[in-house]
PDB file of N, CA and C in Angstrom:
ATOM      1  N   MET A   1     -14.166  19.586 -18.439  1.00  0.00           N
ATOM      2  CA  MET A   1     -14.430  19.317 -17.218  1.00  0.00           C
ATOM      3  C   MET A   1     -13.342  19.992 -16.347  1.00  0.00           C
ATOM      4  N   VAL A   2     -13.154  20.216 -14.790  1.00  0.00           N
ATOM      5  CA  VAL A   2     -12.587  21.253 -13.984  1.00  0.00           C
ATOM      6  C   VAL A   2     -11.310  20.980 -13.612  1.00  0.00           C
ATOM      7  N   SER A   3     -10.581  22.700 -13.790  1.00  0.00           N
ATOM      8  CA  SER A   3      -9.424  23.063 -13.918  1.00  0.00           C
ATOM      9  C   SER A   3      -8.590  21.890 -12.965  1.00  0.00           C
ATOM     10  N   TYR A   4      -9.079  21.418 -11.622  1.00  0.00           N
ATOM     11  CA  TYR A   4      -8.017  20.912 -10.906  1.00  0.00           C
ATOM     12  C   TYR A   4      -8.530  19.533 -10.987  1.00  0.00           C
ATOM     13  N   MET A   5      -8.705  18.999 -11.591  1.00  0.00           N
ATOM     14  CA  MET A   5      -8.984  17.255 -12.338  1.00  0.00           C
ATOM     15  C   MET A   5      -7.200  16.589 -12.583  1.00  0.00           C
ATOM     16  N   PRO A   6      -6.341  17.721 -13.169  1.00  0.00           N
ATOM     17  CA  PRO A   6      -5.045  17.167 -13.484  1.00  0.00           C
ATOM     18  C   PRO A   6      -3.794  16.671 -12.681  1.00  0.00           C
ATOM     19  N   VAL A   7      -4.620  18.069 -11.773  1.00  0.00           N
ATOM     20  CA  VAL A   7      -3.618  17.823 -10.536  1.00  0.00           C
ATOM     21  C   VAL A   7      -4.361  16.620  -9.045  1.00  0.00           C
ATOM     22  N   LEU A   8      -5.058  16.374  -9.093  1.00  0.00           N
ATOM     23  CA  LEU A   8      -5.821  15.976  -8.466  1.00  0.00           C
ATOM     24  C   LEU A   8      -5.804  14.047  -9.697  1.00  0.00           C
ATOM     25  N   TRP A   9      -5.366  14.038 -10.396  1.00  0.00           N
ATOM     26  CA  TRP A   9      -5.124  12.693 -10.862  1.00  0.00           C
ATOM     27  C   TRP A   9      -3.132  12.376 -10.982  1.00  0.00           C
ATOM     28  N   ILE A  10      -2.139  13.585 -10.754  1.00  0.00           N
ATOM     29  CA  ILE A  10      -1.292  13.145 -10.283  1.00  0.00           C
ATOM     30  C   ILE A  10      -1.233  13.357  -8.735  1.00  0.00           C
ATOM     31  N   VAL A  11      -1.885  13.902  -7.947  1.00  0.00           N
ATOM     32  CA  VAL A  11      -1.893  12.949  -6.757  1.00  0.00           C
ATOM     33  C   VAL A  11      -2.028  11.990  -6.639  1.00  0.00           C
ATOM     34  N   TRP A  12      -3.285  11.414  -6.993  1.00  0.00           N
ATOM     35  CA  TRP A  12      -3.434   9.322  -7.022  1.00  0.00           C
ATOM     36  C   TRP A  12      -2.609   9.280  -7.469  1.00  0.00           C
ATOM     37  N   ALA A  13      -1.685   9.520  -9.035  1.00  0.00           N
ATOM     38  CA  ALA A  13      -1.225   8.769  -9.423  1.00  0.00           C
ATOM     39  C   ALA A  13       0.432   8.322  -8.303  1.00  0.00           C
ATOM     40  N   VAL A  14       0.764   9.884  -7.642  1.00  0.00           N
ATOM     41  CA  VAL A  14       1.862   9.574  -6.685  1.00  0.00           C
ATOM     42  C   VAL A  14       1.036   8.529  -5.725  1.00  0.00           C
ATOM     43  N   VAL A  15       0.465   8.836  -4.873  1.00  0.00           N
ATOM     44  CA  VAL A  15       0.522   7.584  -3.430  1.00  0.00           C
ATOM     45  C   VAL A  15      -0.606   6.581  -4.213  1.00  0.00           C
ATOM     46  N   LEU A  16      -0.093   6.551  -5.311  1.00  0.00           N
ATOM     47  CA  LEU A  16      -0.844   4.787  -5.408  1.00  0.00           C
ATOM     48  C   LEU A  16       0.776   4.044  -5.942  1.00  0.00           C
ATOM     49  N   SER A  17       2.113   4.960  -6.621  1.00  0.00           N
ATOM     50  CA  SER A  17       3.268   4.386  -6.873  1.00  0.00           C
ATOM     51  C   SER A  17       3.932   4.478  -5.495  1.00  0.00           C
ATOM     52  N   ILE A  18       3.865   4.871  -4.640  1.00  0.00           N
ATOM     53  CA  ILE A  18       3.908   4.573  -3.496  1.00  0.00           C
ATOM     54  C   ILE A  18       3.292   3.646  -2.957  1.00  0.00           C
ATOM     55  N   LEU A  19       1.977   3.400  -3.274  1.00  0.00           N
ATOM     56  CA  LEU A  19       1.424   2.085  -2.608  1.00  0.00           C
ATOM     57  C   LEU A  19       2.529   0.977  -3.610  1.00  0.00           C
ATOM     58  N   LEU A  20       2.543   0.892  -4.330  1.00  0.00           N
ATOM     59  CA  LEU A  20       2.727   0.031  -5.095  1.00  0.00           C
ATOM     60  C   LEU A  20       4.544  -0.174  -4.920  1.00  0.00           C
ATOM     61  N   ILE A  21       5.456   0.296  -4.497  1.00  0.00           N
ATOM     62  CA  ILE A  21       6.782   0.487  -4.122  1.00  0.00           C
ATOM     63  C   ILE A  21       6.631  -0.597  -2.467  1.00  0.00           C
ATOM     64  N   LEU A  22       5.909   0.356  -1.058  1.00  0.00           N
ATOM     65  CA  LEU A  22       5.454  -0.427  -0.417  1.00  0.00           C
ATOM     66  C   LEU A  22       4.756  -1.542  -0.927  1.00  0.00           C
ATOM     67  N   LEU A  23       4.367  -1.856  -1.551  1.00  0.00           N
ATOM     68  CA  LEU A  23       4.019  -3.853  -1.307  1.00  0.00           C
ATOM     69  C   LEU A  23       4.950  -4.159  -1.954  1.00  0.00           C
ATOM     70  N   ALA A  24       5.610  -3.721  -3.329  1.00  0.00           N
ATOM     71  CA  ALA A  24       6.642  -4.872  -3.809  1.00  0.00           C
ATOM     72  C   ALA A  24       7.660  -4.739  -2.553  1.00  0.00           C
ATOM     73  N   TYR A  25       8.333  -3.949  -1.771  1.00  0.00           N
ATOM     74  CA  TYR A  25       9.267  -4.053  -0.595  1.00  0.00           C
ATOM     75  C   TYR A  25       8.876  -4.779   0.369  1.00  0.00           C
ATOM     76  N   ARG A  26       8.007  -5.074   1.134  1.00  0.00           N
ATOM     77  CA  ARG A  26       7.018  -6.090   1.865  1.00  0.00           C
ATOM     78  C   ARG A  26       6.991  -7.421   0.937  1.00  0.00           C
ATOM     79  N   GLY A  27       6.722  -7.404  -0.354  1.00  0.00           N
ATOM     80  CA  GLY A  27       6.746  -8.692  -1.476  1.00  0.00           C
ATOM     81  C   GLY A  27       8.463  -9.149  -0.504  1.00  0.00           C
ATOM     82  N   THR A  28       9.420  -8.470  -1.134  1.00  0.00           N
ATOM     83  CA  THR A  28      10.571  -8.696  -0.724  1.00  0.00           C
ATOM     84  C   THR A  28      10.986  -9.442  -0.113  1.00  0.00           C
ATOM     85  N   LEU A  29      10.137  -8.842   1.338  1.00  0.00           N
ATOM     86  CA  LEU A  29      11.052  -8.650   3.099  1.00  0.00           C
ATOM     87  C   LEU A  29       9.806 -10.241   3.198  1.00  0.00           C
ATOM     88  N   THR A  30       9.426 -10.669   2.467  1.00  0.00           N
ATOM     89  CA  THR A  30       7.968 -11.825   2.795  1.00  0.00           C
ATOM     90  C   THR A  30       8.769 -13.121   2.153  1.00  0.00           C
ATOM     91  N   ARG A  31       9.359 -12.725   2.051  1.00  0.00           N
ATOM     92  CA  ARG A  31      10.648 -13.636   0.486  1.00  0.00           C
ATOM     93  C   ARG A  31      10.698 -14.581   1.390  1.00  0.00           C
ATOM     94  N   TYR A  32      11.210 -14.135   2.385  1.00  0.00           N
ATOM     95  CA  TYR A  32      12.625 -14.846   3.162  1.00  0.00           C
ATOM     96  C   TYR A  32      11.858 -15.650   4.294  1.00  0.00           C
ATOM     97  N   GLU A  33      10.933 -15.262   5.023  1.00  0.00           N
ATOM     98  CA  GLU A  33       9.789 -15.296   5.578  1.00  0.00           C
ATOM     99  C   GLU A  33       9.237 -17.131   5.851  1.00  0.00           C
ATOM    100  N   GLU A  34      10.247 -17.410   6.528  1.00  0.00           N
ATOM    101  CA  GLU A  34       9.671 -19.206   6.472  1.00  0.00           C
ATOM    102  C   GLU A  34       7.939 -19.319   7.527  1.00  0.00           C
ATOM    103  N   ASP A  35       7.340 -19.696   7.115  1.00  0.00           N
ATOM    104  CA  ASP A  35       5.742 -20.012   7.221  1.00  0.00           C
ATOM    105  C   ASP A  35       5.312 -21.042   9.154  1.00  0.00           C
ATOM    106  N   GLN A  36       6.601 -21.776   9.213  1.00  0.00           N
ATOM    107  CA  GLN A  36       6.973 -22.194  10.111  1.00  0.00           C
ATOM    108  C   GLN A  36       8.631 -22.823  10.332  1.00  0.00           C
ATOM    109  N   LEU A  37       8.316 -22.667  11.641  1.00  0.00           N
ATOM    110  CA  LEU A  37       9.734 -23.268  12.176  1.00  0.00           C
ATOM    111  C   LEU A  37       9.871 -23.707  13.377  1.00  0.00           C
ATOM    112  N   PHE A  38      11.348 -25.045  12.530  1.00  0.00           N
ATOM    113  CA  PHE A  38      11.632 -26.296  14.107  1.00  0.00           C
ATOM    114  C   PHE A  38      12.824 -26.160  14.382  1.00  0.00           C
ATOM    115  N   LEU A  39      12.463 -25.323  15.356  1.00  0.00           N
ATOM    116  CA  LEU A  39      13.874 -24.207  15.954  1.00  0.00           C
ATOM    117  C   LEU A  39      14.769 -25.764  17.218  1.00  0.00           C
ATOM    118  N   ASP A  40      15.902 -25.673  17.278  1.00  0.00           N
ATOM    119  CA  ASP A  40      16.728 -26.312  18.390  1.00  0.00           C
ATOM    120  C   ASP A  40      17.545 -25.278  19.469  1.00  0.00           C
ATOM    121  N   PRO A  41      17.928 -24.946  20.288  1.00  0.00           N
ATOM    122  CA  PRO A  41      19.563 -23.769  20.390  1.00  0.00           C
ATOM    123  C   PRO A  41      20.288 -24.008  19.857  1.00  0.00           C
ATOM    124  N   ALA A  42      20.625 -24.746  18.513  1.00  0.00           N
ATOM    125  CA  ALA A  42      21.896 -24.813  17.715  1.00  0.00           C
ATOM    126  C   ALA A  42      21.132 -23.591  16.783  1.00  0.00           C
ATOM    127  N   GLU A  43      20.048 -23.537  16.246  1.00  0.00           N
ATOM    128  CA  GLU A  43      19.324 -22.644  14.840  1.00  0.00           C
ATOM    129  C   GLU A  43      18.610 -21.775  15.719  1.00  0.00           C
ATOM    130  N   ASP A  44      19.624 -20.335  17.011  1.00  0.00           N
ATOM    131  CA  ASP A  44      18.942 -18.700  17.220  1.00  0.00           C
ATOM    132  C   ASP A  44      18.725 -18.896  16.519  1.00  0.00           C
ATOM    133  N   HIS A  45      20.319 -18.767  14.666  1.00  0.00           N
ATOM    134  CA  HIS A  45      20.748 -17.299  14.390  1.00  0.00           C
ATOM    135  C   HIS A  45      19.600 -17.568  13.355  1.00  0.00           C
ATOM    136  N   GLN A  46      18.498 -18.524  12.801  1.00  0.00           N
ATOM    137  CA  GLN A  46      17.550 -18.827  12.244  1.00  0.00           C
ATOM    138  C   GLN A  46      16.382 -17.751  12.741  1.00  0.00           C
ATOM    139  N   LYS A  47      15.956 -18.105  14.089  1.00  0.00           N
ATOM    140  CA  LYS A  47      15.133 -17.331  15.036  1.00  0.00           C
ATOM    141  C   LYS A  47      14.810 -15.842  14.827  1.00  0.00           C
ATOM    142  N   SER A  48      16.107 -15.644  15.293  1.00  0.00           N
ATOM    143  CA  SER A  48      16.676 -13.791  15.111  1.00  0.00           C
ATOM    144  C   SER A  48      16.867 -13.566  13.818  1.00  0.00           C
ATOM    145  N   ALA A  49      16.760 -14.102  12.976  1.00  0.00           N
ATOM    146  CA  ALA A  49      16.617 -13.525  11.385  1.00  0.00           C
ATOM    147  C   ALA A  49      15.170 -13.274  11.345  1.00  0.00           C
ATOM    148  N   GLN A  50      14.816 -14.072  11.406  1.00  0.00           N
ATOM    149  CA  GLN A  50      12.980 -14.695  11.091  1.00  0.00           C
ATOM    150  C   GLN A  50      12.913 -13.034  12.531  1.00  0.00           C
ATOM    151  N   ALA A  51      12.562 -13.113  13.351  1.00  0.00           N
ATOM    152  CA  ALA A  51      12.365 -12.231  14.318  1.00  0.00           C
ATOM    153  C   ALA A  51      12.577 -10.607  13.835  1.00  0.00           C
ATOM    154  N   ALA A  52      13.780 -10.620  13.054  1.00  0.00           N
ATOM    155  CA  ALA A  52      14.416  -8.884  12.319  1.00  0.00           C
ATOM    156  C   ALA A  52      13.268  -9.121  10.941  1.00  0.00           C
ATOM    157  N   ILE A  53      12.712 -10.329  10.195  1.00  0.00           N
ATOM    158  CA  ILE A  53      12.024  -9.435   9.159  1.00  0.00           C
ATOM    159  C   ILE A  53      10.099  -9.194   9.716  1.00  0.00           C
ATOM    160  N   LEU A  54      10.134  -9.658  10.861  1.00  0.00           N
ATOM    161  CA  LEU A  54       8.501  -8.872  11.112  1.00  0.00           C
ATOM    162  C   LEU A  54       8.974  -8.148  11.855  1.00  0.00           C
ATOM    163  N   LYS A  55      10.097  -6.940  12.439  1.00  0.00           N
ATOM    164  CA  LYS A  55       9.957  -6.219  13.234  1.00  0.00           C
ATOM    165  C   LYS A  55       9.898  -5.584  11.967  1.00  0.00           C
ATOM    166  N   ARG A  56      10.965  -5.211  10.720  1.00  0.00           N
ATOM    167  CA  ARG A  56      10.659  -4.831   9.649  1.00  0.00           C
ATOM    168  C   ARG A  56       9.469  -4.281   8.750  1.00  0.00           C
ATOM    169  N   ILE A  57       8.635  -5.537   8.530  1.00  0.00           N
ATOM    170  CA  ILE A  57       7.050  -6.156   8.017  1.00  0.00           C
ATOM    171  C   ILE A  57       5.931  -4.874   8.978  1.00  0.00           C
ATOM    172  N   ASP A  58       6.441  -5.078  10.209  1.00  0.00           N
ATOM    173  CA  ASP A  58       5.166  -4.622  11.829  1.00  0.00           C
ATOM    174  C   ASP A  58       5.286  -3.422  11.499  1.00  0.00           C
ATOM    175  N   LYS A  59       6.808  -2.945  11.189  1.00  0.00           N
ATOM    176  CA  LYS A  59       7.285  -0.824  10.716  1.00  0.00           C
ATOM    177  C   LYS A  59       6.322  -0.721   8.941  1.00  0.00           C
ATOM    178  N   ILE A  60       6.826  -1.284   8.452  1.00  0.00           N
ATOM    179  CA  ILE A  60       6.030  -0.894   6.959  1.00  0.00           C
ATOM    180  C   ILE A  60       4.579  -0.727   6.937  1.00  0.00           C
ATOM    181  N   GLN A  61       3.730  -1.800   7.851  1.00  0.00           N
ATOM    182  CA  GLN A  61       2.427  -2.217   7.634  1.00  0.00           C
ATOM    183  C   GLN A  61       1.552  -0.722   7.851  1.00  0.00           C
ATOM    184  N   PRO A  62       1.414   0.264   9.258  1.00  0.00           N
ATOM    185  CA  PRO A  62       0.857   1.560   9.018  1.00  0.00           C
ATOM    186  C   PRO A  62       1.193   2.115   7.707  1.00  0.00           C
ATOM    187  N   PHE A  63       2.157   2.484   7.247  1.00  0.00           N
ATOM    188  CA  PHE A  63       2.145   3.074   5.446  1.00  0.00           C
ATOM    189  C   PHE A  63       1.157   2.533   4.373  1.00  0.00           C
ATOM    190  N   VAL A  64       1.050   1.674   4.758  1.00  0.00           N
ATOM    191  CA  VAL A  64       1.014   0.709   3.905  1.00  0.00           C
ATOM    192  C   VAL A  64      -0.720   0.214   4.203  1.00  0.00           C
ATOM    193  N   ARG A  65      -1.246   0.201   5.231  1.00  0.00           N
ATOM    194  CA  ARG A  65      -2.516   0.999   5.638  1.00  0.00           C
ATOM    195  C   ARG A  65      -3.633   2.121   5.199  1.00  0.00           C
ATOM    196  N   VAL A  66      -2.258   3.270   5.808  1.00  0.00           N
ATOM    197  CA  VAL A  66      -2.571   4.580   4.893  1.00  0.00           C
ATOM    198  C   VAL A  66      -2.043   5.227   3.750  1.00  0.00           C
ATOM    199  N   SER A  67      -1.831   4.234   2.742  1.00  0.00           N
ATOM    200  CA  SER A  67      -1.406   4.247   1.383  1.00  0.00           C
ATOM    201  C   SER A  67      -2.900   3.424   0.959  1.00  0.00           C
ATOM    202  N   ILE A  68      -3.153   2.489   1.667  1.00  0.00           N
ATOM    203  CA  ILE A  68      -4.444   1.337   1.026  1.00  0.00           C
ATOM    204  C   ILE A  68      -6.191   2.546   0.926  1.00  0.00           C
ATOM    205  N   GLY A  69      -5.239   3.585   1.941  1.00  0.00           N
ATOM    206  CA  GLY A  69      -6.913   4.515   2.685  1.00  0.00           C
ATOM    207  C   GLY A  69      -7.047   5.167   1.712  1.00  0.00           C
ATOM    208  N   ALA A  70      -6.091   6.024   1.788  1.00  0.00           N
ATOM    209  CA  ALA A  70      -6.157   7.307   0.440  1.00  0.00           C
ATOM    210  C   ALA A  70      -5.825   6.992  -0.827  1.00  0.00           C
ATOM    211  N   THR A  71      -5.298   6.087  -1.559  1.00  0.00           N
ATOM    212  CA  THR A  71      -6.049   4.997  -2.740  1.00  0.00           C
ATOM    213  C   THR A  71      -7.558   5.170  -2.564  1.00  0.00           C
ATOM    214  N   CYS A  72      -7.297   4.263  -2.030  1.00  0.00           N
ATOM    215  CA  CYS A  72      -9.553   4.263  -1.927  1.00  0.00           C
ATOM    216  C   CYS A  72     -10.425   5.568  -2.292  1.00  0.00           C
ATOM    217  N   VAL A  73     -10.358   6.309  -0.925  1.00  0.00           N
ATOM    218  CA  VAL A  73     -10.851   7.636  -1.133  1.00  0.00           C
ATOM    219  C   VAL A  73     -10.709   8.230  -2.190  1.00  0.00           C
ATOM    220  N   MET A  74      -9.229   8.536  -2.375  1.00  0.00           N
ATOM    221  CA  MET A  74      -8.858   9.083  -3.522  1.00  0.00           C
ATOM    222  C   MET A  74      -9.711   8.425  -4.970  1.00  0.00           C
ATOM    223  N   THR A  75      -9.578   7.736  -5.237  1.00  0.00           N
ATOM    224  CA  THR A  75     -10.263   6.666  -6.422  1.00  0.00           C
ATOM    225  C   THR A  75     -11.729   6.736  -6.584  1.00  0.00           C
ATOM    226  N   ALA A  76     -12.384   6.576  -5.060  1.00  0.00           N
ATOM    227  CA  ALA A  76     -13.443   7.063  -5.087  1.00  0.00           C
ATOM    228  C   ALA A  76     -14.317   7.986  -4.915  1.00  0.00           C
ATOM    229  N   GLY A  77     -13.436   9.581  -4.477  1.00  0.00           N
ATOM    230  CA  GLY A  77     -13.287  10.731  -5.069  1.00  0.00           C
ATOM    231  C   GLY A  77     -13.564  11.057  -6.743  1.00  0.00           C
ATOM    232  N   ILE A  78     -12.668  10.449  -7.200  1.00  0.00           N
ATOM    233  CA  ILE A  78     -12.951  10.800  -9.200  1.00  0.00           C
ATOM    234  C   ILE A  78     -13.880  10.520  -9.696  1.00  0.00           C
ATOM    235  N   LEU A  79     -13.627   9.203  -9.208  1.00  0.00           N
ATOM    236  CA  LEU A  79     -15.521   8.831  -9.624  1.00  0.00           C
ATOM    237  C   LEU A  79     -16.274   9.658  -9.562  1.00  0.00           C
ATOM    238  N   GLY A  80     -16.858  10.139  -8.182  1.00  0.00           N
ATOM    239  CA  GLY A  80     -18.343  10.742  -7.833  1.00  0.00           C
ATOM    240  C   GLY A  80     -18.034  11.760  -8.575  1.00  0.00           C
ATOM    241  N   ILE A  81     -16.446  12.805  -8.665  1.00  0.00           N
ATOM    242  CA  ILE A  81     -16.241  13.697  -9.209  1.00  0.00           C
ATOM    243  C   ILE A  81     -16.756  13.400 -11.037  1.00  0.00           C
ATOM    244  N   TYR A  82     -16.080  12.416 -11.741  1.00  0.00           N
ATOM    245  CA  TYR A  82     -17.180  12.298 -12.975  1.00  0.00           C
ATOM    246  C   TYR A  82     -19.067  11.670 -12.989  1.00  0.00           C
ATOM    247  N   VAL A  83     -19.023  10.810 -12.070  1.00  0.00           N
ATOM    248  CA  VAL A  83     -20.553  10.453 -12.245  1.00  0.00           C
ATOM    249  C   VAL A  83     -20.962  12.281 -12.118  1.00  0.00           C
ATOM    250  N   TRP A  84     -20.971  13.260 -10.939  1.00  0.00           N
ATOM    251  CA  TRP A  84     -21.627  13.956 -11.049  1.00  0.00           C
ATOM    252  C   TRP A  84     -21.733  15.684 -12.057  1.00  0.00           C
ATOM    253  N   ASP A  85     -20.042  14.804 -12.446  1.00  0.00           N
ATOM    254  CA  ASP A  85     -20.130  15.707 -13.469  1.00  0.00           C
ATOM    255  C   ASP A  85     -21.229  15.183 -14.456  1.00  0.00           C
ATOM    256  N   ALA A  86     -21.648  14.136 -15.002  1.00  0.00           N
ATOM    257  CA  ALA A  86     -22.321  13.280 -15.796  1.00  0.00           C
ATOM    258  C   ALA A  86     -23.091  13.601 -15.429  1.00  0.00           C
ATOM    259  N   ILE A  87     -23.817  13.659 -14.259  1.00  0.00           N
ATOM    260  CA  ILE A  87     -25.470  14.314 -13.687  1.00  0.00           C
ATOM    261  C   ILE A  87     -25.807  15.717 -13.808  1.00  0.00           C
ATOM    262  N   GLN A  88     -24.533  16.196 -13.941  1.00  0.00           N
ATOM    263  CA  GLN A  88     -24.853  17.050 -14.394  1.00  0.00           C
ATOM    264  C   GLN A  88     -24.894  17.909 -15.974  1.00  0.00           C
ATOM    265  N   HIS A  89     -24.195  16.997 -16.776  1.00  0.00           N
ATOM    266  CA  HIS A  89     -24.743  17.244 -18.536  1.00  0.00           C
ATOM    267  C   HIS A  89     -25.585  17.030 -18.901  1.00  0.00           C
ATOM    268  N   LEU A  90     -26.903  15.479 -18.088  1.00  0.00           N
ATOM    269  CA  LEU A  90     -27.885  14.903 -17.840  1.00  0.00           C
ATOM    270  C   LEU A  90     -29.206  15.683 -18.175  1.00  0.00           C
ATOM    271  N   ASN A  91     -28.549  16.550 -16.969  1.00  0.00           N
ATOM    272  CA  ASN A  91     -30.105  17.814 -17.220  1.00  0.00           C
ATOM    273  C   ASN A  91     -30.010  18.283 -17.326  1.00  0.00           C
TER     274      ASN A  91
END
């Protein structure tokens, strides 16, 4: 196999680790998010707490999307390299 494959695997593992960390962080944030709130004026602190949670989730969402995309592209690239190498060895 080509000599740059170990480096590619390490970069893929780092990107995947970042993705898993971001997903775990988002999971801890959404654990306290309510699906439905019935608020009266006396419960404004709950509304502000939910707004703060949504603000943090919206802040990390672009990073989650980029890391998902990078992981998918790198996975497809690694698989493509192995398939190409297998085709070359069969010929």
